[in-house]
Amino acid sequence: MGIRSILAGTVERSGELGVAEPEYFRDLNLDQVVRAVTEAAGLPEVAAYFHRPLHDADLVVFRQEVFRDLEDPVVRRVAERFTASMARTRARLEALARRKHPLRCTAGSWRSRSTTPRRSAPWPKGWTRPA
């Protein structure tokens, strides 16, 4: 099953975007343009979209129509708000993936912390301090 993309049409999940930089990119200094655009956006992983050649004339026309639409300031602001929102969501998901819940720690390590009272805490009556 493919993913519908404004930039690439239908992209199969099999990694169709993993295209190497074409040889003519350096001759035309397109490598510098792509690097500047992707670094400014903070998304170097999207460079693969620029490396993938388009062979479908309808997709080329569609892309041109999208960019014509983006010349309208109202449409452009909406698109910019959407992409900023998606960037925040992506950053939050990445931060969430890095967080460690006590139950996700290595086996036994969370138990020893939760069942052993802190030394600075007062000891309840009837408890003895571990040796």
C-alpha atoms as a PDB file:
ATOM      1  CA  MET A   1       0.000   0.000   0.000  1.00  0.00           C
ATOM      2  CA  GLY A   2       1.403   3.394  -0.966  1.00  0.00           C
ATOM      3  CA  ILE A   3       1.377   6.739   0.787  1.00  0.00           C
ATOM      4  CA  ARG A   4      -0.006   9.737  -1.103  1.00  0.00           C
ATOM      5  CA  SER A   5       2.496  12.587  -1.100  1.00  0.00           C
ATOM      6  CA  ILE A   6       2.339  16.068  -2.627  1.00  0.00           C
ATOM      7  CA  LEU A   7       6.025  15.873  -3.493  1.00  0.00           C
ATOM      8  CA  ALA A   8       6.392  12.309  -4.644  1.00  0.00           C
ATOM      9  CA  GLY A   9       2.965  11.075  -5.702  1.00  0.00           C
ATOM     10  CA  THR A  10       2.474   7.557  -4.386  1.00  0.00           C
ATOM     11  CA  VAL A  11       5.449   6.280  -2.448  1.00  0.00           C
ATOM     12  CA  GLU A  12       5.659   2.639  -1.527  1.00  0.00           C
ATOM     13  CA  ARG A  13       6.747   1.881   2.018  1.00  0.00           C
ATOM     14  CA  SER A  14       9.578  -0.260   0.678  1.00  0.00           C
ATOM     15  CA  GLY A  15      11.965   2.702   0.828  1.00  0.00           C
ATOM     16  CA  GLU A  16      11.504   4.084  -2.662  1.00  0.00           C
ATOM     17  CA  LEU A  17      12.777   7.437  -1.407  1.00  0.00           C
ATOM     18  CA  GLY A  18      16.249   6.075  -0.643  1.00  0.00           C
ATOM     19  CA  VAL A  19      17.585   7.454  -3.924  1.00  0.00           C
ATOM     20  CA  ALA A  20      21.206   8.628  -3.999  1.00  0.00           C
ATOM     21  CA  GLU A  21      22.041  12.157  -5.032  1.00  0.00           C
ATOM     22  CA  PRO A  22      22.114  12.347  -8.860  1.00  0.00           C
ATOM     23  CA  GLU A  23      25.492  13.107 -10.454  1.00  0.00           C
ATOM     24  CA  TYR A  24      24.263  16.321 -12.111  1.00  0.00           C
ATOM     25  CA  PHE A  25      23.354  17.857  -8.734  1.00  0.00           C
ATOM     26  CA  ARG A  26      26.942  18.974  -8.109  1.00  0.00           C
ATOM     27  CA  ASP A  27      27.353  20.333 -11.660  1.00  0.00           C
ATOM     28  CA  LEU A  28      24.267  22.521 -11.254  1.00  0.00           C
ATOM     29  CA  ASN A  29      25.036  23.325  -7.569  1.00  0.00           C
ATOM     30  CA  LEU A  30      21.723  21.740  -6.645  1.00  0.00           C
ATOM     31  CA  ASP A  31      23.477  19.902  -3.820  1.00  0.00           C
ATOM     32  CA  GLN A  32      24.120  23.290  -2.169  1.00  0.00           C
ATOM     33  CA  VAL A  33      20.524  24.394  -2.706  1.00  0.00           C
ATOM     34  CA  VAL A  34      19.109  21.172  -1.222  1.00  0.00           C
ATOM     35  CA  ARG A  35      21.511  21.324   1.723  1.00  0.00           C
ATOM     36  CA  ALA A  36      20.602  24.982   2.439  1.00  0.00           C
ATOM     37  CA  VAL A  37      16.865  24.274   2.254  1.00  0.00           C
ATOM     38  CA  THR A  38      16.930  21.126   4.376  1.00  0.00           C
ATOM     39  CA  GLU A  39      19.273  22.606   7.004  1.00  0.00           C
ATOM     40  CA  ALA A  40      17.194  25.787   7.252  1.00  0.00           C
ATOM     41  CA  ALA A  41      14.123  23.647   7.846  1.00  0.00           C
ATOM     42  CA  GLY A  42      16.033  21.437  10.291  1.00  0.00           C
ATOM     43  CA  LEU A  43      15.029  18.361   8.302  1.00  0.00           C
ATOM     44  CA  PRO A  44      18.057  16.898   6.510  1.00  0.00           C
ATOM     45  CA  GLU A  45      16.181  13.605   6.026  1.00  0.00           C
ATOM     46  CA  VAL A  46      13.882  15.194   3.418  1.00  0.00           C
ATOM     47  CA  ALA A  47      16.783  15.588   0.957  1.00  0.00           C
ATOM     48  CA  ALA A  48      15.755  12.249  -0.554  1.00  0.00           C
ATOM     49  CA  TYR A  49      12.606  13.915  -1.940  1.00  0.00           C
ATOM     50  CA  PHE A  50      14.807  16.248  -3.980  1.00  0.00           C
ATOM     51  CA  HIS A  51      16.966  13.388  -5.274  1.00  0.00           C
ATOM     52  CA  ARG A  52      14.035  11.395  -6.648  1.00  0.00           C
ATOM     53  CA  PRO A  53      13.392  12.206 -10.320  1.00  0.00           C
ATOM     54  CA  LEU A  54       9.844  12.675 -11.548  1.00  0.00           C
ATOM     55  CA  HIS A  55       8.849  10.707 -14.620  1.00  0.00           C
ATOM     56  CA  ASP A  56       5.134  11.453 -14.452  1.00  0.00           C
ATOM     57  CA  ALA A  57       4.150  14.660 -16.296  1.00  0.00           C
ATOM     58  CA  ASP A  58       0.879  14.885 -14.347  1.00  0.00           C
ATOM     59  CA  LEU A  59       2.814  14.913 -11.081  1.00  0.00           C
ATOM     60  CA  VAL A  60       5.086  17.697 -12.364  1.00  0.00           C
ATOM     61  CA  VAL A  61       2.011  19.771 -13.283  1.00  0.00           C
ATOM     62  CA  PHE A  62       0.440  18.999  -9.894  1.00  0.00           C
ATOM     63  CA  ARG A  63       3.588  20.183  -8.078  1.00  0.00           C
ATOM     64  CA  GLN A  64       3.594  23.389 -10.102  1.00  0.00           C
ATOM     65  CA  GLU A  65      -0.056  23.974  -9.151  1.00  0.00           C
ATOM     66  CA  VAL A  66       0.759  23.441  -5.471  1.00  0.00           C
ATOM     67  CA  PHE A  67       3.539  26.019  -5.607  1.00  0.00           C
ATOM     68  CA  ARG A  68       1.284  28.437  -7.471  1.00  0.00           C
ATOM     69  CA  ASP A  69      -1.259  28.016  -4.676  1.00  0.00           C
ATOM     70  CA  LEU A  70       1.458  28.740  -2.106  1.00  0.00           C
ATOM     71  CA  GLU A  71       2.043  32.148  -3.716  1.00  0.00           C
ATOM     72  CA  ASP A  72      -1.280  33.219  -2.150  1.00  0.00           C
ATOM     73  CA  PRO A  73      -0.346  34.660   1.295  1.00  0.00           C
ATOM     74  CA  VAL A  74      -3.430  33.179   2.988  1.00  0.00           C
ATOM     75  CA  VAL A  75      -2.723  29.665   1.702  1.00  0.00           C
ATOM     76  CA  ARG A  76       0.959  30.049   2.531  1.00  0.00           C
ATOM     77  CA  ARG A  77       0.215  31.042   6.162  1.00  0.00           C
ATOM     78  CA  VAL A  78      -2.061  28.035   6.577  1.00  0.00           C
ATOM     79  CA  ALA A  79       0.616  25.742   5.144  1.00  0.00           C
ATOM     80  CA  GLU A  80       3.288  27.289   7.392  1.00  0.00           C
ATOM     81  CA  ARG A  81       1.092  26.857  10.496  1.00  0.00           C
ATOM     82  CA  PHE A  82       0.411  23.254   9.533  1.00  0.00           C
ATOM     83  CA  THR A  83       4.091  22.417   9.007  1.00  0.00           C
ATOM     84  CA  ALA A  84       5.053  24.159  12.282  1.00  0.00           C
ATOM     85  CA  SER A  85       2.382  22.155  14.090  1.00  0.00           C
ATOM     86  CA  MET A  86       3.647  18.926  12.543  1.00  0.00           C
ATOM     87  CA  ALA A  87       7.232  19.812  13.547  1.00  0.00           C
ATOM     88  CA  ARG A  88       6.100  20.358  17.162  1.00  0.00           C
ATOM     89  CA  THR A  89       4.217  17.067  17.118  1.00  0.00           C
ATOM     90  CA  ARG A  90       7.251  15.247  15.714  1.00  0.00           C
ATOM     91  CA  ALA A  91       9.493  16.788  18.397  1.00  0.00           C
ATOM     92  CA  ARG A  92       7.053  15.794  21.149  1.00  0.00           C
ATOM     93  CA  LEU A  93       6.844  12.235  19.862  1.00  0.00           C
ATOM     94  CA  GLU A  94      10.639  11.997  19.745  1.00  0.00           C
ATOM     95  CA  ALA A  95      10.891  13.353  23.304  1.00  0.00           C
ATOM     96  CA  LEU A  96       8.230  10.910  24.462  1.00  0.00           C
ATOM     97  CA  ALA A  97      10.125   8.012  22.889  1.00  0.00           C
ATOM     98  CA  ARG A  98      13.250   9.021  24.851  1.00  0.00           C
ATOM     99  CA  ARG A  99      11.460   9.142  28.227  1.00  0.00           C
ATOM    100  CA  LYS A 100      11.833   6.189  30.532  1.00  0.00           C
ATOM    101  CA  HIS A 101       8.938   5.060  32.637  1.00  0.00           C
ATOM    102  CA  PRO A 102       9.962   3.315  35.874  1.00  0.00           C
ATOM    103  CA  LEU A 103       8.372   0.096  34.656  1.00  0.00           C
ATOM    104  CA  ARG A 104      10.465   0.225  31.467  1.00  0.00           C
ATOM    105  CA  CYS A 105      13.742   0.290  33.422  1.00  0.00           C
ATOM    106  CA  THR A 106      15.868  -2.823  33.636  1.00  0.00           C
ATOM    107  CA  ALA A 107      14.332  -5.693  35.569  1.00  0.00           C
ATOM    108  CA  GLY A 108      14.415  -5.211  39.316  1.00  0.00           C
ATOM    109  CA  SER A 109      16.026  -1.774  39.313  1.00  0.00           C
ATOM    110  CA  TRP A 110      12.727   0.081  39.792  1.00  0.00           C
ATOM    111  CA  ARG A 111      11.621  -2.256  42.586  1.00  0.00           C
ATOM    112  CA  SER A 112      14.674  -1.636  44.687  1.00  0.00           C
ATOM    113  CA  ARG A 113      14.083   2.114  44.478  1.00  0.00           C
ATOM    114  CA  SER A 114      10.380   1.981  45.235  1.00  0.00           C
ATOM    115  CA  THR A 115      10.461  -0.498  48.163  1.00  0.00           C
ATOM    116  CA  THR A 116      13.541   0.828  49.930  1.00  0.00           C
ATOM    117  CA  PRO A 117      12.719   3.978  51.898  1.00  0.00           C
ATOM    118  CA  ARG A 118      15.049   6.918  51.482  1.00  0.00           C
ATOM    119  CA  ARG A 119      17.554   7.315  54.286  1.00  0.00           C
ATOM    120  CA  SER A 120      16.456  10.895  54.886  1.00  0.00           C
ATOM    121  CA  ALA A 121      12.835   9.842  55.443  1.00  0.00           C
ATOM    122  CA  PRO A 122      11.679   9.110  59.014  1.00  0.00           C
ATOM    123  CA  TRP A 123      11.334   5.409  59.753  1.00  0.00           C
ATOM    124  CA  PRO A 124       7.821   4.211  60.645  1.00  0.00           C
ATOM    125  CA  LYS A 125       7.310   2.530  64.025  1.00  0.00           C
ATOM    126  CA  GLY A 126       8.180  -1.141  63.956  1.00  0.00           C
ATOM    127  CA  TRP A 127      10.582  -0.857  61.000  1.00  0.00           C
ATOM    128  CA  THR A 128      14.238  -1.556  61.358  1.00  0.00           C
ATOM    129  CA  ARG A 129      16.988   0.050  59.380  1.00  0.00           C
ATOM    130  CA  PRO A 130      18.670  -2.384  56.920  1.00  0.00           C
ATOM    131  CA  ALA A 131      22.156  -3.490  57.898  1.00  0.00           C
END
